[in-house]
PDB file of N, CA and C in Angstrom:
ATOM      1  N   MET A   1       0.815  -1.193   0.000  1.00  0.00           N
ATOM      2  CA  MET A   1       0.000   0.000   0.000  1.00  0.00           C
ATOM      3  C   MET A   1       0.863   1.264   0.000  1.00  0.00           C
ATOM      4  N   ASP A   2       2.172   1.108  -0.166  1.00  0.00           N
ATOM      5  CA  ASP A   2       3.052   2.275  -0.218  1.00  0.00           C
ATOM      6  C   ASP A   2       2.909   3.060  -1.516  1.00  0.00           C
ATOM      7  N   TYR A   3       2.695   2.357  -2.613  1.00  0.00           N
ATOM      8  CA  TYR A   3       2.643   3.022  -3.916  1.00  0.00           C
ATOM      9  C   TYR A   3       1.582   4.118  -3.977  1.00  0.00           C
ATOM     10  N   PRO A   4       0.349   3.875  -3.524  1.00  0.00           N
ATOM     11  CA  PRO A   4      -0.645   4.960  -3.568  1.00  0.00           C
ATOM     12  C   PRO A   4      -0.223   6.188  -2.753  1.00  0.00           C
ATOM     13  N   LEU A   5       0.449   5.972  -1.635  1.00  0.00           N
ATOM     14  CA  LEU A   5       0.896   7.098  -0.811  1.00  0.00           C
ATOM     15  C   LEU A   5       1.939   7.937  -1.534  1.00  0.00           C
ATOM     16  N   VAL A   6       2.903   7.274  -2.153  1.00  0.00           N
ATOM     17  CA  VAL A   6       3.950   7.978  -2.883  1.00  0.00           C
ATOM     18  C   VAL A   6       3.358   8.681  -4.104  1.00  0.00           C
ATOM     19  N   LEU A   7       2.512   8.003  -4.831  1.00  0.00           N
ATOM     20  CA  LEU A   7       1.900   8.596  -6.017  1.00  0.00           C
ATOM     21  C   LEU A   7       1.102   9.845  -5.652  1.00  0.00           C
ATOM     22  N   GLU A   8       0.404   9.802  -4.531  1.00  0.00           N
ATOM     23  CA  GLU A   8      -0.384  10.964  -4.116  1.00  0.00           C
ATOM     24  C   GLU A   8       0.505  12.165  -3.805  1.00  0.00           C
ATOM     25  N   LYS A   9       1.682  11.922  -3.279  1.00  0.00           N
ATOM     26  CA  LYS A   9       2.613  13.012  -2.983  1.00  0.00           C
ATOM     27  C   LYS A   9       3.235  13.583  -4.252  1.00  0.00           C
ATOM     28  N   ILE A  10       3.595  12.701  -5.183  1.00  0.00           N
ATOM     29  CA  ILE A  10       4.296  13.126  -6.393  1.00  0.00           C
ATOM     30  C   ILE A  10       3.338  13.669  -7.457  1.00  0.00           C
ATOM     31  N   GLU A  11       2.253  12.953  -7.698  1.00  0.00           N
ATOM     32  CA  GLU A  11       1.300  13.324  -8.742  1.00  0.00           C
ATOM     33  C   GLU A  11      -0.126  13.165  -8.206  1.00  0.00           C
ATOM     34  N   PRO A  12      -0.580  14.083  -7.368  1.00  0.00           N
ATOM     35  CA  PRO A  12      -1.875  13.938  -6.695  1.00  0.00           C
ATOM     36  C   PRO A  12      -3.085  13.947  -7.632  1.00  0.00           C
ATOM     37  N   TYR A  13      -2.924  14.416  -8.851  1.00  0.00           N
ATOM     38  CA  TYR A  13      -4.029  14.471  -9.814  1.00  0.00           C
ATOM     39  C   TYR A  13      -4.296  13.121 -10.490  1.00  0.00           C
ATOM     40  N   ARG A  14      -3.378  12.193 -10.363  1.00  0.00           N
ATOM     41  CA  ARG A  14      -3.558  10.886 -11.006  1.00  0.00           C
ATOM     42  C   ARG A  14      -4.505  10.011 -10.203  1.00  0.00           C
ATOM     43  N   ILE A  15      -5.252   9.170 -10.913  1.00  0.00           N
ATOM     44  CA  ILE A  15      -6.149   8.206 -10.276  1.00  0.00           C
ATOM     45  C   ILE A  15      -5.549   6.825 -10.478  1.00  0.00           C
ATOM     46  N   LEU A  16      -5.375   6.109  -9.405  1.00  0.00           N
ATOM     47  CA  LEU A  16      -4.749   4.796  -9.445  1.00  0.00           C
ATOM     48  C   LEU A  16      -5.804   3.697  -9.508  1.00  0.00           C
ATOM     49  N   TYR A  17      -5.658   2.807 -10.478  1.00  0.00           N
ATOM     50  CA  TYR A  17      -6.541   1.654 -10.626  1.00  0.00           C
ATOM     51  C   TYR A  17      -5.711   0.377 -10.498  1.00  0.00           C
ATOM     52  N   LEU A  18      -6.296  -0.630  -9.899  1.00  0.00           N
ATOM     53  CA  LEU A  18      -5.696  -1.955  -9.843  1.00  0.00           C
ATOM     54  C   LEU A  18      -6.199  -2.730 -11.047  1.00  0.00           C
ATOM     55  N   ALA A  19      -5.289  -3.097 -11.951  1.00  0.00           N
ATOM     56  CA  ALA A  19      -5.668  -3.835 -13.155  1.00  0.00           C
ATOM     57  C   ALA A  19      -5.750  -5.324 -12.836  1.00  0.00           C
ATOM     58  N   ILE A  20      -6.899  -5.921 -13.162  1.00  0.00           N
ATOM     59  CA  ILE A  20      -7.152  -7.325 -12.833  1.00  0.00           C
ATOM     60  C   ILE A  20      -7.625  -8.059 -14.082  1.00  0.00           C
ATOM     61  N   PRO A  21      -6.982  -9.188 -14.423  1.00  0.00           N
ATOM     62  CA  PRO A  21      -7.500  -9.999 -15.529  1.00  0.00           C
ATOM     63  C   PRO A  21      -8.908 -10.500 -15.208  1.00  0.00           C
ATOM     64  N   VAL A  22      -9.747 -10.596 -16.210  1.00  0.00           N
ATOM     65  CA  VAL A  22     -11.147 -10.966 -16.010  1.00  0.00           C
ATOM     66  C   VAL A  22     -11.291 -12.312 -15.307  1.00  0.00           C
ATOM     67  N   THR A  23     -10.421 -13.260 -15.598  1.00  0.00           N
ATOM     68  CA  THR A  23     -10.519 -14.575 -14.949  1.00  0.00           C
ATOM     69  C   THR A  23     -10.274 -14.470 -13.449  1.00  0.00           C
ATOM     70  N   ALA A  24      -9.333 -13.637 -13.035  1.00  0.00           N
ATOM     71  CA  ALA A  24      -9.077 -13.438 -11.604  1.00  0.00           C
ATOM     72  C   ALA A  24     -10.252 -12.717 -10.958  1.00  0.00           C
ATOM     73  N   TYR A  25     -10.810 -11.755 -11.655  1.00  0.00           N
ATOM     74  CA  TYR A  25     -11.951 -11.019 -11.108  1.00  0.00           C
ATOM     75  C   TYR A  25     -13.135 -11.958 -10.903  1.00  0.00           C
ATOM     76  N   GLN A  26     -13.406 -12.790 -11.886  1.00  0.00           N
ATOM     77  CA  GLN A  26     -14.558 -13.698 -11.813  1.00  0.00           C
ATOM     78  C   GLN A  26     -14.359 -14.815 -10.796  1.00  0.00           C
ATOM     79  N   SER A  27     -13.135 -15.242 -10.597  1.00  0.00           N
ATOM     80  CA  SER A  27     -12.913 -16.386  -9.709  1.00  0.00           C
ATOM     81  C   SER A  27     -12.532 -15.997  -8.283  1.00  0.00           C
ATOM     82  N   PHE A  28     -12.104 -14.753  -8.068  1.00  0.00           N
ATOM     83  CA  PHE A  28     -11.583 -14.395  -6.749  1.00  0.00           C
ATOM     84  C   PHE A  28     -12.155 -13.114  -6.172  1.00  0.00           C
ATOM     85  N   PHE A  29     -12.241 -12.063  -6.951  1.00  0.00           N
ATOM     86  CA  PHE A  29     -12.521 -10.740  -6.411  1.00  0.00           C
ATOM     87  C   PHE A  29     -13.962 -10.514  -5.968  1.00  0.00           C
ATOM     88  N   TRP A  30     -14.844 -11.412  -6.248  1.00  0.00           N
ATOM     89  CA  TRP A  30     -16.228 -11.284  -5.782  1.00  0.00           C
ATOM     90  C   TRP A  30     -16.404 -11.868  -4.388  1.00  0.00           C
ATOM     91  N   ARG A  31     -15.392 -12.576  -3.874  1.00  0.00           N
ATOM     92  CA  ARG A  31     -15.475 -13.205  -2.550  1.00  0.00           C
ATOM     93  C   ARG A  31     -15.449 -12.155  -1.441  1.00  0.00           C
ATOM     94  N   ASP A  32     -15.825 -12.578  -0.239  1.00  0.00           N
ATOM     95  CA  ASP A  32     -15.966 -11.650   0.885  1.00  0.00           C
ATOM     96  C   ASP A  32     -14.675 -10.909   1.243  1.00  0.00           C
ATOM     97  N   LEU A  33     -13.561 -11.625   1.386  1.00  0.00           N
ATOM     98  CA  LEU A  33     -12.323 -10.975   1.814  1.00  0.00           C
ATOM     99  C   LEU A  33     -11.818  -9.963   0.779  1.00  0.00           C
ATOM    100  N   PRO A  34     -11.740 -10.311  -0.494  1.00  0.00           N
ATOM    101  CA  PRO A  34     -11.335  -9.288  -1.464  1.00  0.00           C
ATOM    102  C   PRO A  34     -12.294  -8.094  -1.501  1.00  0.00           C
ATOM    103  N   GLN A  35     -13.589  -8.350  -1.376  1.00  0.00           N
ATOM    104  CA  GLN A  35     -14.555  -7.249  -1.363  1.00  0.00           C
ATOM    105  C   GLN A  35     -14.330  -6.346  -0.151  1.00  0.00           C
ATOM    106  N   LEU A  36     -14.011  -6.932   0.985  1.00  0.00           N
ATOM    107  CA  LEU A  36     -13.722  -6.145   2.183  1.00  0.00           C
ATOM    108  C   LEU A  36     -12.476  -5.279   1.972  1.00  0.00           C
ATOM    109  N   ALA A  37     -11.447  -5.855   1.380  1.00  0.00           N
ATOM    110  CA  ALA A  37     -10.225  -5.094   1.102  1.00  0.00           C
ATOM    111  C   ALA A  37     -10.505  -3.960   0.116  1.00  0.00           C
ATOM    112  N   ILE A  38     -11.279  -4.222  -0.914  1.00  0.00           N
ATOM    113  CA  ILE A  38     -11.635  -3.195  -1.899  1.00  0.00           C
ATOM    114  C   ILE A  38     -12.368  -2.044  -1.219  1.00  0.00           C
ATOM    115  N   GLN A  39     -13.297  -2.364  -0.356  1.00  0.00           N
ATOM    116  CA  GLN A  39     -14.059  -1.327   0.348  1.00  0.00           C
ATOM    117  C   GLN A  39     -13.199  -0.591   1.377  1.00  0.00           C
ATOM    118  N   THR A  40     -12.416  -1.329   2.143  1.00  0.00           N
ATOM    119  CA  THR A  40     -11.599  -0.732   3.202  1.00  0.00           C
ATOM    120  C   THR A  40     -10.563   0.222   2.632  1.00  0.00           C
ATOM    121  N   TYR A  41      -9.880  -0.200   1.570  1.00  0.00           N
ATOM    122  CA  TYR A  41      -8.812   0.607   0.979  1.00  0.00           C
ATOM    123  C   TYR A  41      -9.301   1.489  -0.167  1.00  0.00           C
ATOM    124  N   ARG A  42     -10.616   1.448  -0.419  1.00  0.00           N
ATOM    125  CA  ARG A  42     -11.230   2.250  -1.484  1.00  0.00           C
ATOM    126  C   ARG A  42     -10.500   2.073  -2.812  1.00  0.00           C
ATOM    127  N   LEU A  43     -10.287   0.812  -3.171  1.00  0.00           N
ATOM    128  CA  LEU A  43      -9.576   0.501  -4.405  1.00  0.00           C
ATOM    129  C   LEU A  43     -10.467   0.712  -5.614  1.00  0.00           C
ATOM    130  N   LYS A  44      -9.865   1.212  -6.668  1.00  0.00           N
ATOM    131  CA  LYS A  44     -10.533   1.318  -7.957  1.00  0.00           C
ATOM    132  C   LYS A  44      -9.967   0.206  -8.832  1.00  0.00           C
ATOM    133  N   LEU A  45     -10.838  -0.480  -9.548  1.00  0.00           N
ATOM    134  CA  LEU A  45     -10.415  -1.635 -10.336  1.00  0.00           C
ATOM    135  C   LEU A  45     -10.622  -1.395 -11.826  1.00  0.00           C
ATOM    136  N   MET A  46      -9.735  -1.983 -12.615  1.00  0.00           N
ATOM    137  CA  MET A  46      -9.892  -2.040 -14.058  1.00  0.00           C
ATOM    138  C   MET A  46      -9.829  -3.526 -14.423  1.00  0.00           C
ATOM    139  N   VAL A  47     -10.913  -4.060 -14.939  1.00  0.00           N
ATOM    140  CA  VAL A  47     -10.970  -5.471 -15.318  1.00  0.00           C
ATOM    141  C   VAL A  47     -10.693  -5.548 -16.816  1.00  0.00           C
ATOM    142  N   TYR A  48      -9.743  -6.407 -17.180  1.00  0.00           N
ATOM    143  CA  TYR A  48      -9.365  -6.482 -18.592  1.00  0.00           C
ATOM    144  C   TYR A  48      -9.258  -7.927 -19.063  1.00  0.00           C
ATOM    145  N   GLU A  49      -9.310  -8.084 -20.379  1.00  0.00           N
ATOM    146  CA  GLU A  49      -9.150  -9.387 -21.019  1.00  0.00           C
ATOM    147  C   GLU A  49      -7.756  -9.379 -21.641  1.00  0.00           C
ATOM    148  N   PRO A  50      -6.814 -10.153 -21.070  1.00  0.00           N
ATOM    149  CA  PRO A  50      -5.418 -10.053 -21.484  1.00  0.00           C
ATOM    150  C   PRO A  50      -5.120 -10.517 -22.915  1.00  0.00           C
ATOM    151  N   LYS A  51      -5.812 -11.523 -23.393  1.00  0.00           N
ATOM    152  CA  LYS A  51      -5.496 -12.056 -24.721  1.00  0.00           C
ATOM    153  C   LYS A  51      -5.726 -11.012 -25.807  1.00  0.00           C
ATOM    154  N   ASN A  52      -6.860 -10.333 -25.744  1.00  0.00           N
ATOM    155  CA  ASN A  52      -7.189  -9.325 -26.753  1.00  0.00           C
ATOM    156  C   ASN A  52      -6.841  -7.904 -26.309  1.00  0.00           C
ATOM    157  N   GLU A  53      -6.295  -7.777 -25.096  1.00  0.00           N
ATOM    158  CA  GLU A  53      -5.895  -6.482 -24.551  1.00  0.00           C
ATOM    159  C   GLU A  53      -7.055  -5.486 -24.568  1.00  0.00           C
ATOM    160  N   VAL A  54      -8.199  -5.928 -24.018  1.00  0.00           N
ATOM    161  CA  VAL A  54      -9.408  -5.108 -23.990  1.00  0.00           C
ATOM    162  C   VAL A  54      -9.818  -4.848 -22.552  1.00  0.00           C
ATOM    163  N   ILE A  55     -10.117  -3.587 -22.263  1.00  0.00           N
ATOM    164  CA  ILE A  55     -10.634  -3.247 -20.940  1.00  0.00           C
ATOM    165  C   ILE A  55     -12.130  -3.526 -20.959  1.00  0.00           C
ATOM    166  N   LEU A  56     -12.574  -4.332 -19.997  1.00  0.00           N
ATOM    167  CA  LEU A  56     -13.978  -4.734 -19.930  1.00  0.00           C
ATOM    168  C   LEU A  56     -14.793  -3.881 -18.966  1.00  0.00           C
ATOM    169  N   GLN A  57     -14.151  -3.411 -17.903  1.00  0.00           N
ATOM    170  CA  GLN A  57     -14.922  -2.707 -16.880  1.00  0.00           C
ATOM    171  C   GLN A  57     -14.021  -1.825 -16.030  1.00  0.00           C
ATOM    172  N   TRP A  58     -14.505  -0.641 -15.749  1.00  0.00           N
ATOM    173  CA  TRP A  58     -13.885   0.253 -14.775  1.00  0.00           C
ATOM    174  C   TRP A  58     -14.786   0.247 -13.548  1.00  0.00           C
ATOM    175  N   ILE A  59     -14.227  -0.027 -12.379  1.00  0.00           N
ATOM    176  CA  ILE A  59     -15.016  -0.086 -11.149  1.00  0.00           C
ATOM    177  C   ILE A  59     -14.475   0.956 -10.184  1.00  0.00           C
ATOM    178  N   GLU A  60     -15.311   1.912  -9.857  1.00  0.00           N
ATOM    179  CA  GLU A  60     -14.921   3.013  -8.962  1.00  0.00           C
ATOM    180  C   GLU A  60     -15.056   2.582  -7.522  1.00  0.00           C
TER     181      GLU A  60
END
């Protein structure tokens, strides 16, 4: 969690997203513990399909 702190000091206008492959999002990130971490740390997610290099979803 150090990177967001440093980024905020250096470039506070940037918005940081955690990029997640769609398979990981579908198989893991909907579970209780990852959802709790997302809410607690106010993570923003970008879900993508790696083979075709397509962004599928932005989650604020």
